N, C-alpha and C. Protein backbone atom coordinates (compact mmCIF):
# COMPACT_ATOMS: atom_id res chain seq x y z
N MET A 1 0.76 -1.08 -0.05
CA MET A 1 -0.03 0.00 0.09
C MET A 1 0.60 1.23 -0.19
N ALA A 2 0.53 2.09 -1.07
CA ALA A 2 1.40 3.42 -1.10
C ALA A 2 1.32 4.33 0.10
N LYS A 3 2.22 5.02 0.47
CA LYS A 3 2.34 5.95 1.56
C LYS A 3 1.43 7.11 1.17
N LYS A 4 0.84 7.93 2.01
CA LYS A 4 0.15 9.05 1.71
C LYS A 4 0.61 10.33 2.28
N LEU A 5 0.61 11.47 1.33
CA LEU A 5 0.94 12.74 1.93
C LEU A 5 -0.04 13.81 1.64
N ALA A 6 -0.61 14.38 2.85
CA ALA A 6 -1.68 15.37 2.69
C ALA A 6 -1.03 16.76 3.03
N LEU A 7 -1.33 17.78 2.20
CA LEU A 7 -0.75 19.05 2.36
C LEU A 7 -1.98 19.92 2.48
N ILE A 8 -1.84 21.22 3.10
CA ILE A 8 -2.78 22.08 3.09
C ILE A 8 -2.14 23.47 2.82
N ALA A 9 -2.47 24.04 1.52
CA ALA A 9 -1.90 25.26 0.90
C ALA A 9 -2.58 26.46 1.42
N SER A 10 -2.15 27.26 2.11
CA SER A 10 -2.94 28.49 2.37
C SER A 10 -2.47 29.79 2.21
N LYS A 11 -1.16 29.83 1.46
CA LYS A 11 -0.78 30.96 1.08
C LYS A 11 -0.61 31.26 -0.43
N GLY A 12 -0.82 32.39 -1.00
CA GLY A 12 -0.93 32.74 -2.39
C GLY A 12 0.04 33.54 -2.93
N THR A 13 1.27 33.58 -2.35
CA THR A 13 2.53 34.59 -3.12
C THR A 13 3.13 33.46 -3.84
N LEU A 14 4.14 34.24 -4.57
CA LEU A 14 5.07 33.34 -5.44
C LEU A 14 5.88 32.49 -4.63
N ASP A 15 6.65 33.07 -3.57
CA ASP A 15 7.31 32.35 -2.88
C ASP A 15 6.80 31.20 -2.09
N TRP A 16 5.51 31.27 -1.68
CA TRP A 16 4.66 30.30 -0.87
C TRP A 16 4.19 29.29 -1.84
N ALA A 17 4.09 29.73 -3.18
CA ALA A 17 3.54 28.64 -4.13
C ALA A 17 4.51 27.38 -4.41
N TYR A 18 5.65 27.71 -4.26
CA TYR A 18 6.64 26.52 -4.43
C TYR A 18 6.55 25.44 -3.44
N PRO A 19 6.58 25.55 -2.27
CA PRO A 19 6.72 24.38 -1.28
C PRO A 19 5.54 23.24 -1.52
N PRO A 20 4.33 23.62 -1.71
CA PRO A 20 3.20 22.57 -1.90
C PRO A 20 3.48 21.88 -3.14
N PHE A 21 3.98 22.46 -4.24
CA PHE A 21 3.92 21.77 -5.58
C PHE A 21 5.23 21.28 -5.63
N ILE A 22 6.26 21.56 -5.14
CA ILE A 22 7.52 20.72 -4.94
C ILE A 22 7.37 19.54 -4.11
N LEU A 23 6.86 19.44 -3.05
CA LEU A 23 6.72 18.47 -2.03
C LEU A 23 5.73 17.66 -2.68
N ALA A 24 4.55 18.15 -3.32
CA ALA A 24 3.82 17.13 -3.89
C ALA A 24 4.32 16.23 -5.07
N SER A 25 4.87 16.98 -6.06
CA SER A 25 5.56 16.49 -7.25
C SER A 25 6.66 15.51 -6.78
N THR A 26 7.36 15.75 -5.84
CA THR A 26 8.45 14.87 -5.46
C THR A 26 7.86 13.67 -4.64
N ALA A 27 6.94 13.74 -3.96
CA ALA A 27 6.13 12.55 -3.22
C ALA A 27 5.61 11.78 -4.10
N ALA A 28 4.81 12.32 -5.10
CA ALA A 28 4.12 11.41 -6.37
C ALA A 28 5.22 10.70 -7.05
N ALA A 29 6.39 11.17 -7.21
CA ALA A 29 7.56 10.69 -8.13
C ALA A 29 8.04 9.39 -7.23
N LEU A 30 7.86 9.62 -5.87
CA LEU A 30 8.31 8.54 -5.02
C LEU A 30 7.24 7.64 -4.67
N ASP A 31 6.23 7.68 -5.45
CA ASP A 31 4.81 6.66 -5.33
C ASP A 31 4.23 6.88 -4.08
N TYR A 32 4.26 7.97 -3.41
CA TYR A 32 3.06 8.54 -2.54
C TYR A 32 1.88 8.75 -3.26
N GLU A 33 0.74 8.53 -2.47
CA GLU A 33 -0.52 9.14 -2.85
C GLU A 33 -0.60 10.65 -2.28
N VAL A 34 -0.86 11.48 -3.13
CA VAL A 34 -0.78 12.74 -2.60
C VAL A 34 -2.07 13.73 -2.82
N CYS A 35 -2.34 14.51 -1.80
CA CYS A 35 -3.53 15.42 -1.81
C CYS A 35 -3.17 16.74 -1.48
N ILE A 36 -3.42 17.72 -2.01
CA ILE A 36 -3.35 19.19 -1.60
C ILE A 36 -4.54 19.91 -1.52
N PHE A 37 -4.87 20.49 -0.32
CA PHE A 37 -6.24 21.20 0.07
C PHE A 37 -5.86 22.61 -0.14
N PHE A 38 -6.44 23.47 -0.97
CA PHE A 38 -5.96 24.91 -1.15
C PHE A 38 -7.15 25.79 -0.60
N THR A 39 -6.90 26.48 0.37
CA THR A 39 -7.76 27.34 1.22
C THR A 39 -7.23 28.77 1.12
N PHE A 40 -8.28 29.51 1.62
CA PHE A 40 -8.23 30.97 1.56
C PHE A 40 -6.96 31.39 0.56
N TYR A 41 -5.92 32.19 0.85
CA TYR A 41 -5.31 32.76 -0.34
C TYR A 41 -4.34 31.49 -1.09
N GLY A 42 -4.38 30.44 -0.69
CA GLY A 42 -3.79 29.40 -1.38
C GLY A 42 -4.52 28.94 -2.44
N LEU A 43 -5.83 29.26 -2.54
CA LEU A 43 -6.73 29.05 -3.63
C LEU A 43 -6.24 29.61 -5.00
N THR A 44 -5.67 30.81 -4.66
CA THR A 44 -5.28 31.42 -5.99
C THR A 44 -4.30 30.84 -6.79
N LEU A 45 -3.44 29.75 -6.13
CA LEU A 45 -2.60 28.82 -6.94
C LEU A 45 -3.19 28.11 -7.70
N LEU A 46 -4.54 27.78 -7.95
CA LEU A 46 -5.30 27.10 -8.71
C LEU A 46 -5.87 27.82 -9.86
N LYS A 47 -5.75 29.03 -9.61
CA LYS A 47 -6.55 29.77 -10.71
C LYS A 47 -5.58 29.42 -12.08
N LYS A 48 -6.34 29.89 -13.29
CA LYS A 48 -5.83 29.73 -14.61
C LYS A 48 -4.60 30.53 -15.00
N ASP A 49 -4.62 31.83 -14.43
CA ASP A 49 -3.51 32.52 -14.68
C ASP A 49 -2.85 32.72 -13.37
N VAL A 50 -1.61 32.34 -13.02
CA VAL A 50 -0.93 32.69 -11.89
C VAL A 50 0.48 33.65 -12.20
N SER A 51 0.25 34.23 -13.42
CA SER A 51 1.49 35.09 -13.64
C SER A 51 1.62 36.31 -12.73
N ASP A 52 0.60 36.82 -12.19
CA ASP A 52 0.57 37.90 -11.32
C ASP A 52 0.96 37.56 -9.98
N LEU A 53 1.45 36.41 -9.56
CA LEU A 53 1.82 36.09 -8.18
C LEU A 53 3.07 36.98 -7.83
N LYS A 54 3.06 37.44 -6.44
CA LYS A 54 4.07 38.41 -6.08
C LYS A 54 4.78 38.02 -4.88
N VAL A 55 5.93 38.62 -4.42
CA VAL A 55 6.65 38.26 -3.33
C VAL A 55 6.84 39.63 -2.67
N SER A 56 6.52 39.58 -1.31
CA SER A 56 6.63 40.76 -0.55
C SER A 56 7.93 40.70 0.37
N PRO A 57 8.87 41.65 0.35
CA PRO A 57 9.98 41.71 1.07
C PRO A 57 9.59 41.94 2.62
N LEU A 58 8.45 42.58 2.70
CA LEU A 58 7.91 42.98 4.14
C LEU A 58 7.47 41.75 5.00
N GLY A 59 8.03 41.75 6.21
CA GLY A 59 7.64 40.58 6.91
C GLY A 59 8.37 39.30 6.61
N ASN A 60 9.27 39.31 5.81
CA ASN A 60 9.70 38.23 5.36
C ASN A 60 11.68 38.25 5.41
N PRO A 61 11.98 38.38 6.79
CA PRO A 61 13.30 38.62 7.10
C PRO A 61 14.30 37.88 6.48
N ALA A 62 13.99 36.58 6.22
CA ALA A 62 15.11 35.65 5.43
C ALA A 62 15.45 35.99 4.10
N MET A 63 14.46 36.64 3.50
CA MET A 63 14.65 37.03 2.01
C MET A 63 15.94 37.43 1.72
N PRO A 64 16.74 36.94 0.73
CA PRO A 64 18.17 37.44 0.66
C PRO A 64 17.90 38.75 -0.49
N MET A 65 18.51 39.88 0.14
CA MET A 65 18.56 41.03 -0.83
C MET A 65 19.68 41.36 -1.09
N PRO A 66 19.92 42.14 -2.18
CA PRO A 66 21.57 42.46 -2.46
C PRO A 66 21.89 43.41 -1.51
N VAL A 67 21.12 44.27 -0.73
CA VAL A 67 21.73 45.17 0.43
C VAL A 67 20.81 44.96 1.29
N PRO A 68 21.13 44.74 2.71
CA PRO A 68 20.21 44.63 3.76
C PRO A 68 19.26 45.87 3.88
N MET A 69 17.97 45.60 3.99
CA MET A 69 17.00 46.87 4.11
C MET A 69 16.23 46.78 5.41
N PRO A 70 15.94 47.92 5.92
CA PRO A 70 15.12 47.86 7.17
C PRO A 70 13.66 47.68 6.73
N ASN A 71 12.70 47.38 7.52
CA ASN A 71 11.39 47.16 7.25
C ASN A 71 10.77 48.51 6.69
N LEU A 72 11.25 49.66 7.24
CA LEU A 72 10.69 50.71 6.78
C LEU A 72 10.90 51.08 5.21
N VAL A 73 12.03 50.74 4.87
CA VAL A 73 12.41 50.86 3.31
C VAL A 73 11.47 49.79 2.69
N GLN A 74 11.24 48.64 3.21
CA GLN A 74 10.47 47.63 2.38
C GLN A 74 8.91 47.92 2.25
N MET A 75 8.56 48.85 3.05
CA MET A 75 7.16 49.27 2.91
C MET A 75 6.95 50.36 1.74
N LEU A 76 8.00 50.78 1.20
CA LEU A 76 8.04 51.94 0.24
C LEU A 76 7.31 51.57 -0.86
N PRO A 77 6.48 52.35 -1.61
CA PRO A 77 6.02 51.76 -2.97
C PRO A 77 7.14 51.49 -3.90
N GLY A 78 6.54 50.20 -4.56
CA GLY A 78 7.58 49.81 -5.49
C GLY A 78 8.38 48.62 -5.08
N MET A 79 8.70 48.35 -3.68
CA MET A 79 9.33 47.40 -3.44
C MET A 79 8.77 45.99 -3.53
N GLU A 80 7.70 45.82 -3.28
CA GLU A 80 6.90 44.37 -3.58
C GLU A 80 7.27 44.05 -5.08
N SER A 81 7.10 45.26 -6.10
CA SER A 81 7.34 44.74 -7.40
C SER A 81 9.00 44.46 -7.59
N MET A 82 9.79 45.35 -6.90
CA MET A 82 11.23 44.91 -7.10
C MET A 82 11.55 43.54 -6.73
N ALA A 83 10.96 43.35 -5.63
CA ALA A 83 11.24 41.96 -4.79
C ALA A 83 10.82 40.86 -5.79
N THR A 84 9.34 41.12 -6.33
CA THR A 84 9.11 40.04 -7.34
C THR A 84 9.87 39.89 -8.57
N MET A 85 10.26 40.93 -8.97
CA MET A 85 10.97 41.04 -10.31
C MET A 85 12.32 40.27 -10.04
N MET A 86 13.06 40.52 -8.95
CA MET A 86 14.20 39.96 -8.49
C MET A 86 14.08 38.31 -8.46
N MET A 87 12.87 37.93 -7.78
CA MET A 87 12.55 36.62 -7.52
C MET A 87 12.21 35.96 -8.67
N LYS A 88 11.60 36.59 -9.77
CA LYS A 88 11.41 35.84 -10.97
C LYS A 88 12.55 35.55 -11.89
N GLN A 89 13.39 36.62 -11.68
CA GLN A 89 14.69 36.76 -12.64
C GLN A 89 15.62 35.55 -11.96
N LYS A 90 15.59 35.47 -10.71
CA LYS A 90 16.51 34.28 -9.84
C LYS A 90 16.17 32.96 -10.52
N ILE A 91 14.70 32.75 -10.57
CA ILE A 91 13.90 31.58 -10.94
C ILE A 91 14.44 31.29 -12.28
N ALA A 92 14.29 32.17 -13.08
CA ALA A 92 14.64 31.84 -14.60
C ALA A 92 16.18 31.77 -14.81
N ASP A 93 17.09 32.28 -13.93
CA ASP A 93 18.54 32.24 -14.06
C ASP A 93 18.86 30.86 -13.68
N LYS A 94 18.18 30.32 -12.66
CA LYS A 94 18.73 29.05 -11.92
C LYS A 94 17.91 27.86 -12.67
N GLY A 95 16.98 28.36 -13.57
CA GLY A 95 16.30 27.18 -14.33
C GLY A 95 15.24 26.35 -13.46
N VAL A 96 14.78 27.07 -12.49
CA VAL A 96 13.76 26.41 -11.63
C VAL A 96 12.35 26.45 -12.37
N ALA A 97 11.72 25.37 -12.37
CA ALA A 97 10.45 25.07 -12.93
C ALA A 97 9.35 26.16 -12.71
N SER A 98 8.61 26.74 -13.43
CA SER A 98 7.55 27.58 -13.11
C SER A 98 6.53 26.97 -12.27
N ILE A 99 5.57 27.86 -11.59
CA ILE A 99 4.50 27.33 -10.89
C ILE A 99 3.53 26.46 -11.61
N GLU A 100 3.37 27.09 -13.03
CA GLU A 100 2.34 26.31 -14.09
C GLU A 100 3.16 25.03 -14.38
N GLU A 101 4.42 24.80 -14.54
CA GLU A 101 5.09 23.47 -14.86
C GLU A 101 4.79 22.55 -13.64
N LEU A 102 5.31 22.98 -12.43
CA LEU A 102 5.02 22.22 -11.18
C LEU A 102 3.65 21.80 -11.08
N ARG A 103 2.72 22.58 -11.24
CA ARG A 103 1.42 22.24 -11.05
C ARG A 103 0.89 21.17 -11.98
N SER A 104 1.38 21.48 -13.42
CA SER A 104 1.02 20.32 -14.53
C SER A 104 1.70 18.93 -13.96
N ALA A 105 2.92 19.20 -13.46
CA ALA A 105 3.50 17.94 -13.15
C ALA A 105 2.70 17.14 -11.95
N CYS A 106 2.09 17.96 -11.11
CA CYS A 106 1.33 17.38 -10.17
C CYS A 106 0.08 16.56 -10.81
N LEU A 107 -0.60 17.49 -11.53
CA LEU A 107 -1.72 16.78 -12.12
C LEU A 107 -1.39 15.72 -12.87
N GLU A 108 -0.26 15.65 -13.75
CA GLU A 108 0.19 14.36 -14.62
C GLU A 108 0.40 13.36 -13.72
N SER A 109 1.15 13.62 -12.49
CA SER A 109 1.31 12.43 -11.79
C SER A 109 0.21 11.87 -10.70
N GLY A 110 -0.88 12.49 -10.88
CA GLY A 110 -2.05 11.99 -9.95
C GLY A 110 -2.37 12.61 -8.77
N VAL A 111 -1.54 13.55 -8.37
CA VAL A 111 -1.74 14.33 -7.25
C VAL A 111 -3.29 14.96 -7.34
N LYS A 112 -3.95 14.80 -6.31
CA LYS A 112 -5.28 15.24 -6.14
C LYS A 112 -5.23 16.79 -5.65
N LEU A 113 -5.98 17.64 -6.23
CA LEU A 113 -5.89 19.12 -5.81
C LEU A 113 -7.34 19.40 -5.65
N ILE A 114 -7.41 19.93 -4.35
CA ILE A 114 -9.06 20.17 -3.91
C ILE A 114 -8.97 21.78 -3.74
N ALA A 115 -9.91 22.38 -4.26
CA ALA A 115 -10.13 23.72 -4.01
C ALA A 115 -11.30 23.79 -2.80
N CYS A 116 -10.99 24.57 -1.94
CA CYS A 116 -11.96 24.63 -0.73
C CYS A 116 -13.13 25.47 -1.37
N GLN A 117 -14.18 24.59 -1.32
CA GLN A 117 -15.46 25.09 -1.69
C GLN A 117 -15.92 26.45 -0.87
N MET A 118 -15.86 26.45 0.48
CA MET A 118 -16.23 27.61 1.13
C MET A 118 -15.51 28.86 0.74
N THR A 119 -14.11 28.70 0.51
CA THR A 119 -13.24 29.73 0.11
C THR A 119 -13.71 30.39 -1.22
N VAL A 120 -14.09 29.57 -2.12
CA VAL A 120 -14.53 29.85 -3.68
C VAL A 120 -15.73 30.67 -3.20
N ASP A 121 -16.73 30.11 -2.43
CA ASP A 121 -17.92 31.11 -2.17
C ASP A 121 -17.50 32.31 -1.37
N LEU A 122 -16.78 32.41 -0.41
CA LEU A 122 -16.34 33.48 0.23
C LEU A 122 -15.81 34.50 -0.46
N PHE A 123 -15.01 34.25 -1.69
CA PHE A 123 -14.28 35.42 -2.36
C PHE A 123 -14.89 35.62 -3.58
N ASP A 124 -16.28 34.82 -3.84
CA ASP A 124 -17.16 35.14 -5.13
C ASP A 124 -16.40 34.68 -6.28
N PHE A 125 -15.44 33.49 -6.25
CA PHE A 125 -15.05 32.97 -7.25
C PHE A 125 -15.96 32.05 -8.26
N LYS A 126 -15.68 31.86 -9.39
CA LYS A 126 -16.38 30.85 -10.16
C LYS A 126 -15.51 29.74 -10.46
N GLN A 127 -16.30 28.53 -10.75
CA GLN A 127 -15.49 27.27 -10.95
C GLN A 127 -14.65 27.48 -12.26
N ASP A 128 -15.09 28.28 -13.09
CA ASP A 128 -14.34 28.43 -14.41
C ASP A 128 -13.14 29.36 -14.40
N ASP A 129 -12.87 29.95 -13.03
CA ASP A 129 -11.62 30.58 -12.93
C ASP A 129 -10.38 29.93 -12.54
N PHE A 130 -10.75 28.63 -12.66
CA PHE A 130 -9.72 27.67 -12.18
C PHE A 130 -9.23 26.80 -13.16
N ILE A 131 -8.16 26.10 -13.10
CA ILE A 131 -7.72 25.19 -14.13
C ILE A 131 -8.44 23.92 -14.15
N GLU A 132 -8.43 23.19 -15.21
CA GLU A 132 -9.03 21.99 -15.10
C GLU A 132 -8.50 20.82 -14.46
N GLY A 133 -9.28 19.85 -14.03
CA GLY A 133 -8.63 18.67 -13.32
C GLY A 133 -8.38 18.71 -11.86
N ILE A 134 -9.05 19.70 -11.27
CA ILE A 134 -9.09 19.90 -9.79
C ILE A 134 -10.44 19.46 -9.44
N GLU A 135 -10.54 19.28 -8.03
CA GLU A 135 -11.89 18.84 -7.32
C GLU A 135 -12.25 20.12 -6.42
N PHE A 136 -13.48 20.16 -6.16
CA PHE A 136 -14.05 21.22 -5.31
C PHE A 136 -14.56 20.67 -4.06
N GLY A 137 -14.27 20.82 -2.92
CA GLY A 137 -14.74 20.28 -1.78
C GLY A 137 -14.40 21.02 -0.50
N GLY A 138 -15.10 20.61 0.57
CA GLY A 138 -14.83 21.02 1.73
C GLY A 138 -13.90 20.34 2.62
N ALA A 139 -13.71 20.83 3.76
CA ALA A 139 -12.66 20.44 4.78
C ALA A 139 -12.88 18.81 4.97
N ALA A 140 -14.17 18.47 5.05
CA ALA A 140 -14.71 16.94 5.16
C ALA A 140 -14.04 16.16 4.06
N THR A 141 -14.08 16.68 2.77
CA THR A 141 -13.42 15.89 1.70
C THR A 141 -11.96 15.70 1.80
N PHE A 142 -11.27 17.00 2.33
CA PHE A 142 -9.79 16.72 2.52
C PHE A 142 -9.72 15.64 3.79
N PHE A 143 -10.54 15.64 4.81
CA PHE A 143 -10.13 14.88 5.94
C PHE A 143 -10.39 13.63 5.57
N GLU A 144 -11.21 13.09 4.54
CA GLU A 144 -11.29 11.72 4.06
C GLU A 144 -9.97 11.20 3.60
N PHE A 145 -8.97 11.99 2.96
CA PHE A 145 -7.67 11.59 2.69
C PHE A 145 -6.83 11.84 3.74
N ALA A 146 -6.78 13.03 4.33
CA ALA A 146 -5.79 13.31 5.40
C ALA A 146 -5.79 12.27 6.80
N GLY A 147 -7.03 11.79 6.91
CA GLY A 147 -7.32 10.99 8.13
C GLY A 147 -6.56 9.83 8.12
N ASN A 148 -6.18 9.29 6.89
CA ASN A 148 -5.38 8.15 6.59
C ASN A 148 -3.89 8.34 6.07
N SER A 149 -3.41 9.53 6.30
CA SER A 149 -2.19 9.77 5.70
C SER A 149 -1.04 9.40 6.64
N ASP A 150 0.15 9.43 5.95
CA ASP A 150 1.39 9.13 6.63
C ASP A 150 2.02 10.32 7.22
N VAL A 151 1.73 11.15 6.32
CA VAL A 151 2.48 12.62 6.33
C VAL A 151 1.50 13.62 6.36
N SER A 152 1.25 14.73 7.22
CA SER A 152 0.25 15.77 6.90
C SER A 152 1.09 17.05 7.19
N LEU A 153 1.19 18.09 6.12
CA LEU A 153 1.76 19.22 6.43
C LEU A 153 1.02 20.60 6.11
N PHE A 154 1.08 21.49 6.85
CA PHE A 154 0.25 22.61 6.76
C PHE A 154 1.38 23.70 6.19
N ILE A 155 1.05 24.33 4.88
CA ILE A 155 1.98 25.35 4.33
C ILE A 155 1.54 26.59 4.14
């Protein structure tokens, strides 16, 4: 019987998009049965267009910056755009897979992606705002899988 990995993705920024998709695709490659539950801001990671995901340097003290910057500077207009541009450039320079590529790899390897229906309703999203191949369900749907998982992570 395959091991199971249950993930909850609750953040919707570029830097927080990578962990659930990397962990899920890696676990699937290791023959784990994998399920990711996308709730609140993490739900945006299942939208058709994720090209506008951003990175905020504010409140992210471990983010490597070319020059150390105090929080006050990080709050200035344009800093989020600059941090996002720098991160996207670093991702491209290092040949790291895009979010779209990782998401596709997850779907192709059978990772179950569940969009939280309560969050869809809360934020007035429509089901056709999202990519194909996902499931819509509530916490109970996720717990059917997570309750029997070997590993459960909240990201």
